[in-house]
């Protein structure tokens, strides 16, 4: 099993904390829930140090054994297109921070139809 697969599997098997079943006397107004693609983009921005000049394209959703995966592309300041993978709206993996070839393997393994893979 590759190191990337181990990272993804570790991210996929984290347990959720049990919910507190105590009802609030007066429920606070809820904000609209963040969409999975918006959450993925927020995590990618944070992983890259919150740059202002990111543009996102081609998000693809998939589910693997109940785990949501978002694969897509981003550019920074008009530079070359880079890929990202976000697992369960928690863990972001971005191409510029991975060893050469690792994103190719991860994209092939975790993105539906190689989602986010280079076209050409």
C-alpha atoms as a PDB file:
ATOM      1  CA  UNK A   1       0.000   0.000   0.000  1.00  0.00           C
ATOM      2  CA  UNK A   2       1.420   3.399  -0.954  1.00  0.00           C
ATOM      3  CA  UNK A   3       2.126   6.154   1.550  1.00  0.00           C
ATOM      4  CA  UNK A   4      -0.632   8.247  -0.008  1.00  0.00           C
ATOM      5  CA  UNK A   5      -3.108   5.383   0.357  1.00  0.00           C
ATOM      6  CA  UNK A   6      -2.152   5.078   4.012  1.00  0.00           C
ATOM      7  CA  UNK A   7      -2.741   8.837   4.480  1.00  0.00           C
ATOM      8  CA  UNK A   8      -6.132   8.629   2.819  1.00  0.00           C
ATOM      9  CA  UNK A   9      -7.131   5.535   4.728  1.00  0.00           C
ATOM     10  CA  UNK A  10      -6.097   7.150   8.007  1.00  0.00           C
ATOM     11  CA  UNK A  11      -8.196  10.182   7.127  1.00  0.00           C
ATOM     12  CA  UNK A  12     -11.116   7.962   6.186  1.00  0.00           C
ATOM     13  CA  UNK A  13     -11.161   5.946   9.391  1.00  0.00           C
ATOM     14  CA  UNK A  14     -11.248   8.755  11.919  1.00  0.00           C
ATOM     15  CA  UNK A  15     -14.181   8.358  14.272  1.00  0.00           C
ATOM     16  CA  UNK A  16     -16.620  11.147  14.878  1.00  0.00           C
ATOM     17  CA  UNK A  17     -17.156  12.355  18.418  1.00  0.00           C
ATOM     18  CA  UNK A  18     -20.545  11.319  19.789  1.00  0.00           C
ATOM     19  CA  UNK A  19     -23.172  14.019  19.560  1.00  0.00           C
ATOM     20  CA  UNK A  20     -24.366  15.679  22.735  1.00  0.00           C
ATOM     21  CA  UNK A  21     -28.038  14.756  23.049  1.00  0.00           C
ATOM     22  CA  UNK A  22     -28.919  17.635  25.402  1.00  0.00           C
ATOM     23  CA  UNK A  23     -31.365  19.937  23.634  1.00  0.00           C
ATOM     24  CA  UNK A  24     -30.778  23.663  23.900  1.00  0.00           C
ATOM     25  CA  UNK A  25     -33.582  25.680  25.498  1.00  0.00           C
ATOM     26  CA  UNK A  26     -33.610  28.111  22.588  1.00  0.00           C
ATOM     27  CA  UNK A  27     -31.918  26.971  19.402  1.00  0.00           C
ATOM     28  CA  UNK A  28     -29.547  29.523  17.913  1.00  0.00           C
ATOM     29  CA  UNK A  29     -30.173  30.509  14.308  1.00  0.00           C
ATOM     30  CA  UNK A  30     -28.224  28.239  12.004  1.00  0.00           C
ATOM     31  CA  UNK A  31     -26.081  29.404   9.144  1.00  0.00           C
ATOM     32  CA  UNK A  32     -26.608  27.625   5.861  1.00  0.00           C
ATOM     33  CA  UNK A  33     -24.460  24.501   5.729  1.00  0.00           C
ATOM     34  CA  UNK A  34     -21.260  24.799   3.760  1.00  0.00           C
ATOM     35  CA  UNK A  35     -21.325  22.760   0.554  1.00  0.00           C
ATOM     36  CA  UNK A  36     -18.764  20.011   0.080  1.00  0.00           C
ATOM     37  CA  UNK A  37     -17.045  21.775  -2.829  1.00  0.00           C
ATOM     38  CA  UNK A  38     -16.910  25.062  -0.874  1.00  0.00           C
ATOM     39  CA  UNK A  39     -15.477  23.208   2.122  1.00  0.00           C
ATOM     40  CA  UNK A  40     -12.886  21.546  -0.124  1.00  0.00           C
ATOM     41  CA  UNK A  41     -11.840  24.890  -1.596  1.00  0.00           C
ATOM     42  CA  UNK A  42     -11.581  26.416   1.893  1.00  0.00           C
ATOM     43  CA  UNK A  43      -9.327  23.547   3.022  1.00  0.00           C
ATOM     44  CA  UNK A  44      -7.123  23.861  -0.074  1.00  0.00           C
ATOM     45  CA  UNK A  45      -6.774  27.618   0.539  1.00  0.00           C
ATOM     46  CA  UNK A  46      -5.780  26.956   4.157  1.00  0.00           C
ATOM     47  CA  UNK A  47      -3.279  24.268   3.115  1.00  0.00           C
ATOM     48  CA  UNK A  48      -1.649  26.774   0.749  1.00  0.00           C
ATOM     49  CA  UNK A  49      -1.493  29.569   3.347  1.00  0.00           C
ATOM     50  CA  UNK A  50      -4.710  31.368   2.314  1.00  0.00           C
ATOM     51  CA  UNK A  51      -3.484  33.102  -0.850  1.00  0.00           C
ATOM     52  CA  UNK A  52      -5.979  35.502  -2.413  1.00  0.00           C
ATOM     53  CA  UNK A  53      -5.220  34.657  -6.040  1.00  0.00           C
ATOM     54  CA  UNK A  54      -6.537  31.081  -6.306  1.00  0.00           C
ATOM     55  CA  UNK A  55      -9.024  30.070  -8.976  1.00  0.00           C
ATOM     56  CA  UNK A  56     -10.735  26.671  -8.759  1.00  0.00           C
ATOM     57  CA  UNK A  57     -12.055  24.549 -11.646  1.00  0.00           C
ATOM     58  CA  UNK A  58     -13.314  21.067 -12.448  1.00  0.00           C
ATOM     59  CA  UNK A  59     -14.473  19.807  -9.035  1.00  0.00           C
ATOM     60  CA  UNK A  60     -15.576  16.170  -9.084  1.00  0.00           C
ATOM     61  CA  UNK A  61     -17.333  14.373  -6.269  1.00  0.00           C
ATOM     62  CA  UNK A  62     -17.032  10.688  -5.547  1.00  0.00           C
ATOM     63  CA  UNK A  63     -17.662   8.360  -2.629  1.00  0.00           C
ATOM     64  CA  UNK A  64     -15.438   5.458  -1.638  1.00  0.00           C
ATOM     65  CA  UNK A  65     -16.793   3.165   1.070  1.00  0.00           C
ATOM     66  CA  UNK A  66     -18.950   6.003   2.401  1.00  0.00           C
ATOM     67  CA  UNK A  67     -16.108   8.542   2.370  1.00  0.00           C
ATOM     68  CA  UNK A  68     -16.691  11.709   0.335  1.00  0.00           C
ATOM     69  CA  UNK A  69     -13.834  12.691  -1.950  1.00  0.00           C
ATOM     70  CA  UNK A  70     -13.573  15.956  -3.898  1.00  0.00           C
ATOM     71  CA  UNK A  71     -10.985  16.131  -6.663  1.00  0.00           C
ATOM     72  CA  UNK A  72     -10.309  19.240  -8.681  1.00  0.00           C
ATOM     73  CA  UNK A  73      -7.869  21.769 -10.018  1.00  0.00           C
ATOM     74  CA  UNK A  74      -6.693  25.233  -9.058  1.00  0.00           C
ATOM     75  CA  UNK A  75      -4.421  27.898 -10.451  1.00  0.00           C
ATOM     76  CA  UNK A  76      -2.595  30.521  -8.471  1.00  0.00           C
ATOM     77  CA  UNK A  77      -1.963  33.922  -9.999  1.00  0.00           C
ATOM     78  CA  UNK A  78      -2.375  32.648 -13.547  1.00  0.00           C
ATOM     79  CA  UNK A  79       0.240  29.914 -13.038  1.00  0.00           C
ATOM     80  CA  UNK A  80       0.079  26.293 -14.108  1.00  0.00           C
ATOM     81  CA  UNK A  81      -2.970  24.236 -13.164  1.00  0.00           C
ATOM     82  CA  UNK A  82      -2.449  22.067 -10.070  1.00  0.00           C
ATOM     83  CA  UNK A  83      -4.606  19.270  -8.638  1.00  0.00           C
ATOM     84  CA  UNK A  84      -6.104  18.765  -5.200  1.00  0.00           C
ATOM     85  CA  UNK A  85      -7.917  15.975  -3.364  1.00  0.00           C
ATOM     86  CA  UNK A  86     -10.020  16.578  -0.250  1.00  0.00           C
ATOM     87  CA  UNK A  87     -11.182  13.658   1.884  1.00  0.00           C
ATOM     88  CA  UNK A  88     -14.383  13.940   3.967  1.00  0.00           C
ATOM     89  CA  UNK A  89     -14.157  17.751   4.034  1.00  0.00           C
ATOM     90  CA  UNK A  90     -11.274  17.360   6.517  1.00  0.00           C
ATOM     91  CA  UNK A  91      -7.961  16.586   4.832  1.00  0.00           C
ATOM     92  CA  UNK A  92      -6.592  18.401   1.792  1.00  0.00           C
ATOM     93  CA  UNK A  93      -3.810  17.085  -0.401  1.00  0.00           C
ATOM     94  CA  UNK A  94      -2.389  19.587  -2.907  1.00  0.00           C
ATOM     95  CA  UNK A  95      -0.091  18.742  -5.784  1.00  0.00           C
ATOM     96  CA  UNK A  96       2.593  21.374  -5.125  1.00  0.00           C
ATOM     97  CA  UNK A  97       3.176  19.937  -1.641  1.00  0.00           C
ATOM     98  CA  UNK A  98       3.456  16.301  -2.754  1.00  0.00           C
ATOM     99  CA  UNK A  99       6.419  14.381  -4.137  1.00  0.00           C
ATOM    100  CA  UNK A 100       6.557  14.163  -7.960  1.00  0.00           C
ATOM    101  CA  UNK A 101       4.237  11.454  -9.255  1.00  0.00           C
ATOM    102  CA  UNK A 102       2.378  11.047  -5.968  1.00  0.00           C
ATOM    103  CA  UNK A 103      -0.634  13.093  -7.097  1.00  0.00           C
ATOM    104  CA  UNK A 104      -0.820  11.030 -10.302  1.00  0.00           C
ATOM    105  CA  UNK A 105      -1.098   7.856  -8.203  1.00  0.00           C
ATOM    106  CA  UNK A 106      -3.553   9.374  -5.698  1.00  0.00           C
ATOM    107  CA  UNK A 107      -5.728  10.854  -8.437  1.00  0.00           C
ATOM    108  CA  UNK A 108      -5.833   7.540 -10.255  1.00  0.00           C
ATOM    109  CA  UNK A 109      -6.670   5.661  -7.058  1.00  0.00           C
ATOM    110  CA  UNK A 110      -9.143   8.027  -5.369  1.00  0.00           C
ATOM    111  CA  UNK A 111     -10.728  10.248  -8.013  1.00  0.00           C
ATOM    112  CA  UNK A 112     -13.590   8.911 -10.089  1.00  0.00           C
ATOM    113  CA  UNK A 113     -12.316   8.252 -13.610  1.00  0.00           C
ATOM    114  CA  UNK A 114      -8.990   9.823 -12.621  1.00  0.00           C
ATOM    115  CA  UNK A 115     -10.837  13.064 -11.769  1.00  0.00           C
ATOM    116  CA  UNK A 116      -8.627  16.093 -11.947  1.00  0.00           C
ATOM    117  CA  UNK A 117      -6.072  14.201 -14.049  1.00  0.00           C
ATOM    118  CA  UNK A 118      -4.284  16.221 -16.709  1.00  0.00           C
ATOM    119  CA  UNK A 119      -6.002  16.498 -20.069  1.00  0.00           C
ATOM    120  CA  UNK A 120      -3.797  16.125 -23.064  1.00  0.00           C
END
